[in-house]
Protein backbone atom coordinates (compact mmCIF):
# COMPACT_ATOMS: atom_id res chain seq x y z
CA MET A 1 79.85 133.71 106.81
CA PRO A 2 82.67 132.77 104.39
CA LEU A 3 83.53 129.73 106.52
CA LYS A 4 79.94 128.44 106.27
CA ARG A 5 79.98 128.88 102.49
CA LEU A 6 83.31 127.05 102.24
CA ALA A 7 81.95 124.18 104.34
CA ALA A 8 78.79 123.99 102.21
CA ALA A 9 80.79 124.05 98.97
CA THR A 10 83.16 121.37 100.25
CA GLY A 11 80.25 119.19 101.35
CA ALA A 12 78.56 119.58 97.96
CA ALA A 13 81.79 118.72 96.15
CA LEU A 14 82.28 115.58 98.24
CA LEU A 15 78.70 114.53 97.57
CA VAL A 16 79.19 114.90 93.81
CA VAL A 17 82.39 112.83 93.93
CA ALA A 18 80.68 110.12 95.99
CA LEU A 19 77.68 109.93 93.66
CA THR A 20 79.78 109.71 90.49
CA ALA A 21 82.29 107.15 91.82
CA ALA A 22 81.96 103.59 90.59
CA PRO A 23 80.42 101.28 93.17
CA ALA A 24 82.80 98.81 94.81
CA ARG A 25 80.63 95.75 94.24
CA ALA A 26 79.93 93.11 91.65
CA ASP A 27 77.04 93.33 89.19
CA GLY A 28 75.19 90.63 91.07
CA SER A 29 75.31 88.58 94.23
CA HIS A 30 74.07 85.24 95.44
CA GLU A 31 73.99 83.69 98.89
CA CYS A 32 73.92 79.91 99.24
CA PHE A 33 73.24 77.79 102.32
CA SER A 34 75.91 75.22 101.38
CA GLY A 35 78.18 74.22 98.55
CA THR A 36 81.26 72.47 97.25
CA ARG A 37 84.27 73.61 95.27
CA THR A 38 86.75 71.93 92.96
CA SER A 39 90.16 73.44 92.31
CA ASN A 40 90.95 74.56 88.75
CA GLY A 41 94.54 75.54 89.53
CA ASP A 42 94.34 79.15 90.70
CA SER A 43 90.51 79.29 90.76
CA PHE A 44 87.55 77.10 91.71
CA LYS A 45 84.49 75.51 90.15
CA LEU A 46 81.62 76.16 92.57
CA SER A 47 78.38 74.33 93.19
CA GLY A 48 75.90 75.90 95.61
CA TRP A 49 72.56 74.74 97.01
CA VAL A 50 69.61 76.63 98.46
CA CYS A 51 70.76 79.88 96.84
CA GLY A 52 69.06 83.21 96.43
CA GLY A 53 70.17 86.31 94.62
CA SER A 54 70.47 87.83 91.19
CA GLY A 55 72.98 88.39 88.43
CA PHE A 56 74.95 86.21 86.06
CA TYR A 57 78.17 88.15 85.31
CA GLN A 58 80.77 89.61 87.70
CA VAL A 59 79.01 88.03 90.64
CA THR A 60 79.83 87.75 94.33
CA VAL A 61 78.83 84.37 95.79
CA VAL A 62 78.65 83.77 99.55
CA ILE A 63 78.48 80.16 100.70
CA ARG A 64 77.53 79.92 104.39
CA PHE A 65 78.24 76.26 105.29
CA GLY A 66 80.08 73.25 103.92
CA GLU A 67 83.50 72.61 102.47
CA ALA A 68 83.25 75.67 100.20
CA LYS A 69 82.32 78.13 102.98
CA GLY A 70 83.49 81.62 102.02
CA THR A 71 83.03 84.59 99.71
CA TYR A 72 83.92 84.24 96.04
CA SER A 73 84.18 86.52 93.05
CA CYS A 74 83.03 84.79 89.86
CA PRO A 75 83.14 86.07 86.28
CA SER A 76 79.87 84.21 85.58
CA VAL A 77 77.43 81.85 87.30
CA PHE A 78 74.38 79.86 86.30
CA SER A 79 71.52 79.77 88.79
CA TRP A 80 68.42 77.59 88.44
CA ASN A 81 65.76 76.59 91.00
CA GLY A 82 67.93 77.45 93.97
CA ASP A 83 71.08 75.71 92.70
CA LEU A 84 74.12 77.56 91.42
CA SER A 85 77.25 76.68 89.46
CA GLY A 86 80.19 78.90 88.61
CA ASP A 87 83.59 78.52 86.98
CA ASN A 88 86.85 80.41 87.53
CA CYS A 89 85.72 81.70 90.94
CA ARG A 90 88.28 83.14 93.34
CA LEU A 91 88.15 83.48 97.11
CA THR A 92 88.00 87.10 98.21
């Protein structure tokens, strides 16, 4: 019996830690069919087309096709009618 209680207590403790841990994701995310990027030194200015998603700050942007194909982390983006623009984005 003590072993079952120890296992249950350990499982409960791990669940509490997992539920209180900060999520490893951005506040928002967008996925774009295609896009372009312009270098700003150590970051990029992004333009994306046919985008869907939500969020404006601390955003992950995935561009599926085109010269900017990849996953980016952006401090902020502006999305309007399926188009997206972001500054200071970094490849992840």
